[in-house]
Amino acid sequence: MDEERADRATAFVPGHVTGFFSPCAADDPARAGSRGAGVTLSDGVRVTVRADDGPESRLTLDGDPLSMPPVETVLDALDADGVRVVAESDLPLGTGFGVSGAMALGTALAANHALGRGRSENDLVALAHRAEVVAGTGLGDVVAQARGGVPIRLDPGEPSHGRLDGVPATRRIEYVTFGDLSTVDVLAGDTDPLVDAGDRALSRLVDCPTLPELLAASRWFARETGLPTDRVRGVVDDVVDAGGEASMAMLGETVFALGTGLSDAGVDAAACRTCEAGAHLVAPDRP
């Protein structure tokens, strides 16, 4: 039976920066995804779902209407006709921060509560994960964002199949972004080099689960796969030369660094922290 309807609910989902990954294909999207590691961010996406049959767009991000297949899939699965989804983000879309995954997961959490669907947390995470995989917009962001912290994805898939660990640390994170890279295009090519490099980077981190090692393994992965643009490579090198730890966010023309790494290298960067909590419902009047 449906729980009591609230007609309106808001969820916060942290941003997620992937340092390295190994794509894992499967016929069943519940088992597909990726192994890898990254950091969740205190900067993220706030998603409000409210029952409303008005004429405005069904989905907006920072006030602009848009179409996002994973969000539509989540709404359809929850039989969420006649709702409006209003998302606000500290982070740009399509630049390696997991915004589409955050919107799918935030919509699942908020719509479930607003409409009284009575689904469990793992059910909602699984729904958002499958929606992302089928759309080709992400492989591991949703499960990482649900966990929070510094997640290590040991096995792919939704919560009933995937296996997670984490680096027990929290730090200031700086980031700068120059533009987007197409996740769909990268994953449509030959993924064997990504699988090999991602598995080797994961082994490094499992042997030494620290934030500096995560960044070092990420830089190695980036070099091995040739994903960074010249601009990204140059900024990462500047941070390392200044004594810091930085790498490319997968997948975006974005650099992230520990502490004040980007600032110390003379880069005008945004700053936040690793997120101590995973995705969760919040009161509508709170950040």
Foldseek 3Di string as FASTA:
>chain_A
DFDDAPQKFKKWWFWWFFLAWAWADDPQLQQGFIFGWTFTFPFTKMKMKGQAQDPDAQEDEPRHHDDQQLQVQLCVVLVNPRMHIYMYGPDDPAAQGCHSLRSNLRSLQTSCRNVRSPDDSLVSLQSSQSSCVVVLNHGPGSVDQQAFGIKGWPGGGGPVNTDIDGQPDKFKKKKDADWHDDSNVVVVDDSPQSNVLRVVLSVQCVVPVDPLSSLVSSAVSCVSVVQADPVLVVQQVLLVVLVWGKHGGPPHNMMMTTDCSSVSSVHDIDMTMGGPHHMDIDPPVDD
